[in-house]
Amino acid sequence: MSDALLIERQPLGTGWAEFWTLNAPATRNALTDEMVWALRAACERAQCDTALRAVVLRGAGGHFCAGGSLGSFASAIGRPHGEGIDPLIAVNREFGHLLQALSALPQVLIAAVQGSAMGGGVGLVCCADHVLAATDAQFATPEVTLGIVPAQIALFVVRRLGDATARDWLLSGVRWSAAEALSAGLANAVSDDDFEAALLQLLKRFALAAPGAVTQTKQLLAAFAANQPLDAVLDDAALRFAQALRRPEAAQGLKAFAARQPAPWSQSPESITP
């Protein structure tokens, strides 16, 4: 495991939740090459982990993520590329691959945002299924104010906020408060009290969802977001619906509902201590 990313595994219902903590507090968790690679590796592992039900992405030291690492950019700028491909292209596209991997996680992805989420940090946030922001959270995509293009995050920001709001954010670079992020739809909730307690309650809520159904629903939503033909998406949805009903998970869920009992996967996660 890389020191740039700390991973803690805790019980969640009949499975597990993992807390992925960006660990470079001295730079407000700026996205170094090492951190991006560590996150990519964690995503690849999570794809195959059927016991993992939720991932919480957060930052160490009171901040979420300050965006791209200037040190990584400077190193790439200093690399001559002659007749070959500009190394800056590869550096930037690698981050895009990470955003794709986070969006494609079969588990629920929660972004727990405290302090600053800037540039690429907003890109990470936009990949989450649920965003919990602390009252001190601040968001910005300041790339254009630095003469830089928000290349890899732009599509994810548009997908999260819609075209009009995304243009406002991406073309101005101004800072937005947690309340403004909530109003814009970037944040799902703002915790104005005990952030850790709010995060625990959120995990308890997602523990009620059947893991297989969550995975299938996320895949269906991804197909729709990719602007696939509507007939193809709805045909695929019907197939997923039929397959889900024939699986043991649905039988267990419907039986528990009829008996007014908790579903077997939603056992109390009281032992979670984020």
C-alpha atoms as a PDB file:
ATOM      1  CA  MET A   1       0.000   0.000   0.000  1.00  0.00           C
ATOM      2  CA  SER A   2       1.274   3.483  -0.867  1.00  0.00           C
ATOM      3  CA  ASP A   3       1.773   6.036   1.908  1.00  0.00           C
ATOM      4  CA  ALA A   4      -0.018   8.524  -0.356  1.00  0.00           C
ATOM      5  CA  LEU A   5      -3.299   6.671   0.161  1.00  0.00           C
ATOM      6  CA  LEU A   6      -4.390   5.180   3.478  1.00  0.00           C
ATOM      7  CA  ILE A   7      -7.029   2.445   3.349  1.00  0.00           C
ATOM      8  CA  GLU A   8      -8.994   1.369   6.400  1.00  0.00           C
ATOM      9  CA  ARG A   9     -11.558  -1.432   6.221  1.00  0.00           C
ATOM     10  CA  GLN A  10     -14.524  -1.528   8.592  1.00  0.00           C
ATOM     11  CA  PRO A  11     -17.638  -3.749   8.785  1.00  0.00           C
ATOM     12  CA  LEU A  12     -20.797  -2.579   7.014  1.00  0.00           C
ATOM     13  CA  GLY A  13     -23.807  -4.846   7.382  1.00  0.00           C
ATOM     14  CA  THR A  14     -22.807  -8.264   6.071  1.00  0.00           C
ATOM     15  CA  GLY A  15     -19.914  -6.770   4.123  1.00  0.00           C
ATOM     16  CA  TRP A  16     -17.349  -4.013   4.414  1.00  0.00           C
ATOM     17  CA  ALA A  17     -16.806  -0.309   3.934  1.00  0.00           C
ATOM     18  CA  GLU A  18     -13.412   1.163   3.127  1.00  0.00           C
ATOM     19  CA  PHE A  19     -12.133   4.619   3.946  1.00  0.00           C
ATOM     20  CA  TRP A  20      -9.684   5.839   1.310  1.00  0.00           C
ATOM     21  CA  THR A  21      -7.772   8.790   2.733  1.00  0.00           C
ATOM     22  CA  LEU A  22      -5.630  11.000   0.519  1.00  0.00           C
ATOM     23  CA  ASN A  23      -2.541  11.353   2.653  1.00  0.00           C
ATOM     24  CA  ALA A  24      -0.426  14.391   1.822  1.00  0.00           C
ATOM     25  CA  PRO A  25      -1.626  16.970   4.365  1.00  0.00           C
ATOM     26  CA  ALA A  26       1.378  19.255   3.848  1.00  0.00           C
ATOM     27  CA  THR A  27       0.122  19.987   0.314  1.00  0.00           C
ATOM     28  CA  ARG A  28      -3.574  19.751   1.162  1.00  0.00           C
ATOM     29  CA  ASN A  29      -3.515  16.361  -0.506  1.00  0.00           C
ATOM     30  CA  ALA A  30      -2.427  17.541  -3.940  1.00  0.00           C
ATOM     31  CA  LEU A  31      -2.676  14.815  -6.573  1.00  0.00           C
ATOM     32  CA  THR A  32       0.837  13.507  -7.092  1.00  0.00           C
ATOM     33  CA  ASP A  33       1.574  10.742  -9.586  1.00  0.00           C
ATOM     34  CA  GLU A  34       1.964   8.343  -6.657  1.00  0.00           C
ATOM     35  CA  MET A  35      -1.461   9.260  -5.275  1.00  0.00           C
ATOM     36  CA  VAL A  36      -3.167   8.860  -8.650  1.00  0.00           C
ATOM     37  CA  TRP A  37      -1.527   5.465  -9.169  1.00  0.00           C
ATOM     38  CA  ALA A  38      -2.502   4.349  -5.665  1.00  0.00           C
ATOM     39  CA  LEU A  39      -6.118   5.339  -6.268  1.00  0.00           C
ATOM     40  CA  ARG A  40      -6.133   3.526  -9.617  1.00  0.00           C
ATOM     41  CA  ALA A  41      -4.803   0.381  -7.918  1.00  0.00           C
ATOM     42  CA  ALA A  42      -7.448   0.647  -5.186  1.00  0.00           C
ATOM     43  CA  CYS A  43     -10.175   0.961  -7.832  1.00  0.00           C
ATOM     44  CA  GLU A  44      -8.909  -2.095  -9.706  1.00  0.00           C
ATOM     45  CA  ARG A  45      -8.922  -4.137  -6.510  1.00  0.00           C
ATOM     46  CA  ALA A  46     -12.395  -2.892  -5.526  1.00  0.00           C
ATOM     47  CA  GLN A  47     -13.809  -3.975  -8.881  1.00  0.00           C
ATOM     48  CA  CYS A  48     -13.224  -7.601  -7.877  1.00  0.00           C
ATOM     49  CA  ASP A  49     -14.135  -7.298  -4.186  1.00  0.00           C
ATOM     50  CA  THR A  50     -17.704  -8.564  -3.877  1.00  0.00           C
ATOM     51  CA  ALA A  51     -17.657  -8.141  -0.090  1.00  0.00           C
ATOM     52  CA  LEU A  52     -16.936  -4.425  -0.341  1.00  0.00           C
ATOM     53  CA  ARG A  53     -20.152  -2.397  -0.226  1.00  0.00           C
ATOM     54  CA  ALA A  54     -19.108   1.234   0.150  1.00  0.00           C
ATOM     55  CA  VAL A  55     -16.039   3.410  -0.317  1.00  0.00           C
ATOM     56  CA  VAL A  56     -15.560   6.712   1.507  1.00  0.00           C
ATOM     57  CA  LEU A  57     -13.066   9.029  -0.164  1.00  0.00           C
ATOM     58  CA  ARG A  58     -11.655  11.738   2.080  1.00  0.00           C
ATOM     59  CA  GLY A  59      -8.517  13.773   2.762  1.00  0.00           C
ATOM     60  CA  ALA A  60      -6.093  13.902   5.677  1.00  0.00           C
ATOM     61  CA  GLY A  61      -5.333  17.002   7.699  1.00  0.00           C
ATOM     62  CA  GLY A  62      -8.665  18.793   7.414  1.00  0.00           C
ATOM     63  CA  HIS A  63      -8.709  19.226   3.629  1.00  0.00           C
ATOM     64  CA  PHE A  64     -10.080  17.060   0.834  1.00  0.00           C
ATOM     65  CA  CYS A  65      -7.818  17.715  -2.163  1.00  0.00           C
ATOM     66  CA  ALA A  66      -6.049  20.788  -3.533  1.00  0.00           C
ATOM     67  CA  GLY A  67      -6.056  19.443  -7.095  1.00  0.00           C
ATOM     68  CA  GLY A  68      -3.138  18.657  -9.353  1.00  0.00           C
ATOM     69  CA  SER A  69       0.383  18.636  -7.981  1.00  0.00           C
ATOM     70  CA  LEU A  70       2.452  21.493  -9.363  1.00  0.00           C
ATOM     71  CA  GLY A  71       5.527  19.363  -8.781  1.00  0.00           C
ATOM     72  CA  SER A  72       4.196  16.671 -11.109  1.00  0.00           C
ATOM     73  CA  PHE A  73       3.377  19.286 -13.743  1.00  0.00           C
ATOM     74  CA  ALA A  74       6.833  20.864 -13.471  1.00  0.00           C
ATOM     75  CA  SER A  75       8.509  17.490 -13.842  1.00  0.00           C
ATOM     76  CA  ALA A  76       6.500  16.706 -16.963  1.00  0.00           C
ATOM     77  CA  ILE A  77       7.156  20.154 -18.465  1.00  0.00           C
ATOM     78  CA  GLY A  78      10.877  19.609 -17.977  1.00  0.00           C
ATOM     79  CA  ARG A  79      10.858  16.345 -19.886  1.00  0.00           C
ATOM     80  CA  PRO A  80      11.814  16.803 -23.549  1.00  0.00           C
ATOM     81  CA  HIS A  81       9.561  14.977 -25.971  1.00  0.00           C
ATOM     82  CA  GLY A  82      11.233  15.654 -29.310  1.00  0.00           C
ATOM     83  CA  GLU A  83       9.262  13.877 -32.000  1.00  0.00           C
ATOM     84  CA  GLY A  84       7.322  11.764 -29.502  1.00  0.00           C
ATOM     85  CA  ILE A  85       4.136  12.411 -27.564  1.00  0.00           C
ATOM     86  CA  ASP A  86       4.208  15.314 -25.106  1.00  0.00           C
ATOM     87  CA  PRO A  87       4.531  13.747 -21.607  1.00  0.00           C
ATOM     88  CA  LEU A  88       2.022  16.286 -20.316  1.00  0.00           C
ATOM     89  CA  ILE A  89      -0.659  14.530 -22.368  1.00  0.00           C
ATOM     90  CA  ALA A  90       0.028  11.224 -20.626  1.00  0.00           C
ATOM     91  CA  VAL A  91       0.078  12.850 -17.164  1.00  0.00           C
ATOM     92  CA  ASN A  92      -3.255  14.548 -17.760  1.00  0.00           C
ATOM     93  CA  ARG A  93      -4.917  11.539 -19.345  1.00  0.00           C
ATOM     94  CA  GLU A  94      -3.808   9.293 -16.472  1.00  0.00           C
ATOM     95  CA  PHE A  95      -5.926  11.413 -14.155  1.00  0.00           C
ATOM     96  CA  GLY A  96      -8.855  11.011 -16.525  1.00  0.00           C
ATOM     97  CA  HIS A  97      -8.446   7.243 -16.325  1.00  0.00           C
ATOM     98  CA  LEU A  98      -8.699   7.566 -12.539  1.00  0.00           C
ATOM     99  CA  LEU A  99     -11.940   9.559 -12.804  1.00  0.00           C
ATOM    100  CA  GLN A 100     -13.353   6.881 -15.085  1.00  0.00           C
ATOM    101  CA  ALA A 101     -12.331   4.142 -12.637  1.00  0.00           C
ATOM    102  CA  LEU A 102     -13.901   5.936  -9.671  1.00  0.00           C
ATOM    103  CA  SER A 103     -17.136   6.481 -11.590  1.00  0.00           C
ATOM    104  CA  ALA A 104     -17.222   2.804 -12.563  1.00  0.00           C
ATOM    105  CA  LEU A 105     -16.832   1.430  -9.039  1.00  0.00           C
ATOM    106  CA  PRO A 106     -19.541  -1.174  -8.385  1.00  0.00           C
ATOM    107  CA  GLN A 107     -19.818   0.005  -4.780  1.00  0.00           C
ATOM    108  CA  VAL A 108     -21.423   3.160  -3.444  1.00  0.00           C
ATOM    109  CA  LEU A 109     -18.788   5.923  -3.517  1.00  0.00           C
ATOM    110  CA  ILE A 110     -19.116   8.662  -0.902  1.00  0.00           C
ATOM    111  CA  ALA A 111     -16.992  11.815  -1.031  1.00  0.00           C
ATOM    112  CA  ALA A 112     -16.560  13.198   2.492  1.00  0.00           C
ATOM    113  CA  VAL A 113     -15.378  16.765   1.899  1.00  0.00           C
ATOM    114  CA  GLN A 114     -13.813  18.923   4.566  1.00  0.00           C
ATOM    115  CA  GLY A 115     -11.788  22.048   3.843  1.00  0.00           C
ATOM    116  CA  SER A 116     -10.644  22.633   0.275  1.00  0.00           C
ATOM    117  CA  ALA A 117     -11.673  20.705  -2.829  1.00  0.00           C
ATOM    118  CA  MET A 118      -9.996  22.434  -5.760  1.00  0.00           C
ATOM    119  CA  GLY A 119      -9.513  21.632  -9.440  1.00  0.00           C
ATOM    120  CA  GLY A 120      -8.885  17.921  -9.716  1.00  0.00           C
ATOM    121  CA  GLY A 121     -10.350  17.582  -6.224  1.00  0.00           C
ATOM    122  CA  VAL A 122     -13.693  18.741  -7.611  1.00  0.00           C
ATOM    123  CA  GLY A 123     -13.238  16.135 -10.335  1.00  0.00           C
ATOM    124  CA  LEU A 124     -12.949  13.451  -7.661  1.00  0.00           C
ATOM    125  CA  VAL A 125     -16.059  14.784  -5.936  1.00  0.00           C
ATOM    126  CA  CYS A 126     -18.047  14.674  -9.180  1.00  0.00           C
ATOM    127  CA  CYS A 127     -17.396  10.923  -9.454  1.00  0.00           C
ATOM    128  CA  ALA A 128     -19.132  10.188  -6.151  1.00  0.00           C
ATOM    129  CA  ASP A 129     -22.615   8.775  -5.760  1.00  0.00           C
ATOM    130  CA  HIS A 130     -23.131  10.891  -2.646  1.00  0.00           C
ATOM    131  CA  VAL A 131     -21.254  13.969  -1.462  1.00  0.00           C
ATOM    132  CA  LEU A 132     -21.255  14.941   2.200  1.00  0.00           C
ATOM    133  CA  ALA A 133     -19.717  18.369   2.778  1.00  0.00           C
ATOM    134  CA  ALA A 134     -18.665  19.929   6.059  1.00  0.00           C
ATOM    135  CA  THR A 135     -19.731  23.526   6.656  1.00  0.00           C
ATOM    136  CA  ASP A 136     -16.119  24.649   6.166  1.00  0.00           C
ATOM    137  CA  ALA A 137     -15.840  23.007   2.740  1.00  0.00           C
ATOM    138  CA  GLN A 138     -14.869  25.196  -0.212  1.00  0.00           C
ATOM    139  CA  PHE A 139     -14.969  24.203  -3.854  1.00  0.00           C
ATOM    140  CA  ALA A 140     -13.407  25.738  -6.954  1.00  0.00           C
ATOM    141  CA  THR A 141     -12.190  24.893 -10.438  1.00  0.00           C
ATOM    142  CA  PRO A 142      -9.578  27.656 -10.762  1.00  0.00           C
ATOM    143  CA  GLU A 143      -7.734  26.275 -13.792  1.00  0.00           C
ATOM    144  CA  VAL A 144      -8.730  29.079 -16.179  1.00  0.00           C
ATOM    145  CA  THR A 145      -7.483  31.703 -13.713  1.00  0.00           C
ATOM    146  CA  LEU A 146      -4.073  30.024 -13.940  1.00  0.00           C
ATOM    147  CA  GLY A 147      -4.065  29.817 -17.728  1.00  0.00           C
ATOM    148  CA  ILE A 148      -4.814  26.087 -17.636  1.00  0.00           C
ATOM    149  CA  VAL A 149      -7.639  24.073 -19.197  1.00  0.00           C
ATOM    150  CA  PRO A 150      -9.715  21.889 -16.801  1.00  0.00           C
ATOM    151  CA  ALA A 151      -9.322  19.142 -19.359  1.00  0.00           C
ATOM    152  CA  GLN A 152     -10.109  15.841 -17.672  1.00  0.00           C
ATOM    153  CA  ILE A 153     -12.573  17.092 -15.055  1.00  0.00           C
ATOM    154  CA  ALA A 154     -14.801  19.157 -17.367  1.00  0.00           C
ATOM    155  CA  LEU A 155     -16.985  16.293 -18.573  1.00  0.00           C
ATOM    156  CA  PHE A 156     -17.485  14.999 -15.039  1.00  0.00           C
ATOM    157  CA  VAL A 157     -18.382  18.474 -13.770  1.00  0.00           C
ATOM    158  CA  VAL A 158     -20.939  18.874 -16.576  1.00  0.00           C
ATOM    159  CA  ARG A 159     -22.400  15.464 -15.815  1.00  0.00           C
ATOM    160  CA  ARG A 160     -22.760  16.344 -12.134  1.00  0.00           C
ATOM    161  CA  LEU A 161     -23.920  19.965 -12.368  1.00  0.00           C
ATOM    162  CA  GLY A 162     -25.486  20.308 -15.802  1.00  0.00           C
ATOM    163  CA  ASP A 163     -24.183  22.480 -18.621  1.00  0.00           C
ATOM    164  CA  ALA A 164     -25.183  25.945 -17.371  1.00  0.00           C
ATOM    165  CA  THR A 165     -23.825  25.609 -13.829  1.00  0.00           C
ATOM    166  CA  ALA A 166     -20.732  23.763 -15.015  1.00  0.00           C
ATOM    167  CA  ARG A 167     -19.933  26.620 -17.412  1.00  0.00           C
ATOM    168  CA  ASP A 168     -20.286  29.101 -14.556  1.00  0.00           C
ATOM    169  CA  TRP A 169     -17.886  27.099 -12.407  1.00  0.00           C
ATOM    170  CA  LEU A 170     -15.377  26.096 -15.056  1.00  0.00           C
ATOM    171  CA  LEU A 171     -15.158  29.475 -16.818  1.00  0.00           C
ATOM    172  CA  SER A 172     -14.972  31.707 -13.735  1.00  0.00           C
ATOM    173  CA  GLY A 173     -12.813  29.765 -11.302  1.00  0.00           C
ATOM    174  CA  VAL A 174     -14.468  31.413  -8.290  1.00  0.00           C
ATOM    175  CA  ARG A 175     -14.783  29.692  -4.937  1.00  0.00           C
ATOM    176  CA  TRP A 176     -18.060  28.201  -3.780  1.00  0.00           C
ATOM    177  CA  SER A 177     -19.122  27.535  -0.199  1.00  0.00           C
ATOM    178  CA  ALA A 178     -20.630  24.289   1.041  1.00  0.00           C
ATOM    179  CA  ALA A 179     -24.080  25.902   0.982  1.00  0.00           C
ATOM    180  CA  GLU A 180     -23.565  27.011  -2.633  1.00  0.00           C
ATOM    181  CA  ALA A 181     -22.334  23.542  -3.570  1.00  0.00           C
ATOM    182  CA  LEU A 182     -25.482  22.087  -2.011  1.00  0.00           C
ATOM    183  CA  SER A 183     -27.682  24.490  -3.967  1.00  0.00           C
ATOM    184  CA  ALA A 184     -25.835  23.687  -7.209  1.00  0.00           C
ATOM    185  CA  GLY A 185     -26.238  19.940  -6.720  1.00  0.00           C
ATOM    186  CA  LEU A 186     -22.570  19.162  -6.199  1.00  0.00           C
ATOM    187  CA  ALA A 187     -23.134  18.281  -2.540  1.00  0.00           C
ATOM    188  CA  ASN A 188     -26.009  16.072  -1.435  1.00  0.00           C
ATOM    189  CA  ALA A 189     -25.856  17.176   2.182  1.00  0.00           C
ATOM    190  CA  VAL A 190     -23.983  19.594   4.428  1.00  0.00           C
ATOM    191  CA  SER A 191     -23.112  18.589   7.974  1.00  0.00           C
ATOM    192  CA  ASP A 192     -23.313  21.552  10.318  1.00  0.00           C
ATOM    193  CA  ASP A 193     -22.792  19.495  13.449  1.00  0.00           C
ATOM    194  CA  ASP A 194     -20.708  16.359  13.997  1.00  0.00           C
ATOM    195  CA  PHE A 195     -19.243  15.439  10.609  1.00  0.00           C
ATOM    196  CA  GLU A 196     -18.147  11.953  11.662  1.00  0.00           C
ATOM    197  CA  ALA A 197     -21.571  11.173  13.100  1.00  0.00           C
ATOM    198  CA  ALA A 198     -23.226  12.384   9.895  1.00  0.00           C
ATOM    199  CA  LEU A 199     -20.922  10.145   7.865  1.00  0.00           C
ATOM    200  CA  LEU A 200     -21.791   7.160  10.069  1.00  0.00           C
ATOM    201  CA  GLN A 201     -25.507   7.792   9.589  1.00  0.00           C
ATOM    202  CA  LEU A 202     -24.983   8.002   5.850  1.00  0.00           C
ATOM    203  CA  LEU A 203     -23.231   4.626   5.792  1.00  0.00           C
ATOM    204  CA  LYS A 204     -26.057   3.104   7.812  1.00  0.00           C
ATOM    205  CA  ARG A 205     -28.487   4.347   5.183  1.00  0.00           C
ATOM    206  CA  PHE A 206     -26.544   2.773   2.333  1.00  0.00           C
ATOM    207  CA  ALA A 207     -26.272  -0.481   4.294  1.00  0.00           C
ATOM    208  CA  LEU A 208     -29.979  -0.950   3.554  1.00  0.00           C
ATOM    209  CA  ALA A 209     -29.292  -1.294  -0.174  1.00  0.00           C
ATOM    210  CA  ALA A 210     -28.673  -4.746  -1.627  1.00  0.00           C
ATOM    211  CA  PRO A 211     -25.101  -4.848  -2.974  1.00  0.00           C
ATOM    212  CA  GLY A 212     -25.944  -6.636  -6.207  1.00  0.00           C
ATOM    213  CA  ALA A 213     -28.799  -4.260  -6.945  1.00  0.00           C
ATOM    214  CA  VAL A 214     -26.527  -1.288  -6.297  1.00  0.00           C
ATOM    215  CA  THR A 215     -23.963  -2.565  -8.786  1.00  0.00           C
ATOM    216  CA  GLN A 216     -26.576  -3.198 -11.470  1.00  0.00           C
ATOM    217  CA  THR A 217     -28.217   0.198 -10.914  1.00  0.00           C
ATOM    218  CA  LYS A 218     -24.892   2.007 -11.198  1.00  0.00           C
ATOM    219  CA  GLN A 219     -24.131   0.219 -14.458  1.00  0.00           C
ATOM    220  CA  LEU A 220     -27.547   1.166 -15.825  1.00  0.00           C
ATOM    221  CA  LEU A 221     -27.066   4.814 -14.857  1.00  0.00           C
ATOM    222  CA  ALA A 222     -23.624   4.808 -16.490  1.00  0.00           C
ATOM    223  CA  ALA A 223     -25.113   3.545 -19.752  1.00  0.00           C
ATOM    224  CA  PHE A 224     -27.678   6.346 -19.692  1.00  0.00           C
ATOM    225  CA  ALA A 225     -25.029   8.966 -18.860  1.00  0.00           C
ATOM    226  CA  ALA A 226     -22.978   7.772 -21.833  1.00  0.00           C
ATOM    227  CA  ASN A 227     -25.861   8.827 -24.128  1.00  0.00           C
ATOM    228  CA  GLN A 228     -26.426   5.370 -25.486  1.00  0.00           C
ATOM    229  CA  PRO A 229     -29.588   5.042 -27.615  1.00  0.00           C
ATOM    230  CA  LEU A 230     -32.676   5.124 -25.397  1.00  0.00           C
ATOM    231  CA  ASP A 231     -34.101   1.886 -26.797  1.00  0.00           C
ATOM    232  CA  ALA A 232     -30.819   0.095 -26.042  1.00  0.00           C
ATOM    233  CA  VAL A 233     -30.707   1.460 -22.491  1.00  0.00           C
ATOM    234  CA  LEU A 234     -34.309   0.471 -21.767  1.00  0.00           C
ATOM    235  CA  ASP A 235     -33.825  -2.980 -23.311  1.00  0.00           C
ATOM    236  CA  ASP A 236     -30.792  -3.444 -21.079  1.00  0.00           C
ATOM    237  CA  ALA A 237     -32.802  -2.188 -18.087  1.00  0.00           C
ATOM    238  CA  ALA A 238     -35.516  -4.784 -18.709  1.00  0.00           C
ATOM    239  CA  LEU A 239     -32.898  -7.527 -18.899  1.00  0.00           C
ATOM    240  CA  ARG A 240     -31.274  -6.404 -15.640  1.00  0.00           C
ATOM    241  CA  PHE A 241     -34.691  -6.250 -13.955  1.00  0.00           C
ATOM    242  CA  ALA A 242     -35.552  -9.809 -14.958  1.00  0.00           C
ATOM    243  CA  GLN A 243     -32.141 -11.138 -13.991  1.00  0.00           C
ATOM    244  CA  ALA A 244     -32.291  -9.410 -10.604  1.00  0.00           C
ATOM    245  CA  LEU A 245     -35.706 -10.870  -9.779  1.00  0.00           C
ATOM    246  CA  ARG A 246     -34.396 -14.374 -10.458  1.00  0.00           C
ATOM    247  CA  ARG A 247     -31.396 -13.976  -8.150  1.00  0.00           C
ATOM    248  CA  PRO A 248     -31.353 -15.009  -4.458  1.00  0.00           C
ATOM    249  CA  GLU A 249     -30.805 -11.393  -3.401  1.00  0.00           C
ATOM    250  CA  ALA A 250     -34.259 -10.340  -4.639  1.00  0.00           C
ATOM    251  CA  ALA A 251     -35.914 -13.385  -3.119  1.00  0.00           C
ATOM    252  CA  GLN A 252     -34.354 -12.566   0.241  1.00  0.00           C
ATOM    253  CA  GLY A 253     -35.301  -8.897   0.010  1.00  0.00           C
ATOM    254  CA  LEU A 254     -38.918  -9.554  -0.953  1.00  0.00           C
ATOM    255  CA  LYS A 255     -39.293 -12.202   1.737  1.00  0.00           C
ATOM    256  CA  ALA A 256     -37.928  -9.822   4.388  1.00  0.00           C
ATOM    257  CA  PHE A 257     -40.242  -7.055   3.161  1.00  0.00           C
ATOM    258  CA  ALA A 258     -43.294  -9.317   3.348  1.00  0.00           C
ATOM    259  CA  ALA A 259     -42.319 -10.370   6.874  1.00  0.00           C
ATOM    260  CA  ARG A 260     -41.592  -6.759   7.850  1.00  0.00           C
ATOM    261  CA  GLN A 261     -38.068  -7.785   8.772  1.00  0.00           C
ATOM    262  CA  PRO A 262     -34.707  -6.198   7.859  1.00  0.00           C
ATOM    263  CA  ALA A 263     -33.091  -7.595   4.725  1.00  0.00           C
ATOM    264  CA  PRO A 264     -30.158  -9.910   5.511  1.00  0.00           C
ATOM    265  CA  TRP A 265     -27.560  -7.534   4.059  1.00  0.00           C
ATOM    266  CA  SER A 266     -28.689  -4.614   6.250  1.00  0.00           C
ATOM    267  CA  GLN A 267     -27.511  -5.834   9.613  1.00  0.00           C
ATOM    268  CA  SER A 268     -26.659  -2.964  11.903  1.00  0.00           C
ATOM    269  CA  PRO A 269     -23.173  -1.506  11.227  1.00  0.00           C
ATOM    270  CA  GLU A 270     -22.782  -0.194  14.770  1.00  0.00           C
ATOM    271  CA  SER A 271     -19.108  -1.140  14.804  1.00  0.00           C
ATOM    272  CA  ILE A 272     -18.195   1.366  12.091  1.00  0.00           C
ATOM    273  CA  THR A 273     -15.964   4.079  13.516  1.00  0.00           C
ATOM    274  CA  PRO A 274     -14.770   6.360  10.656  1.00  0.00           C
END
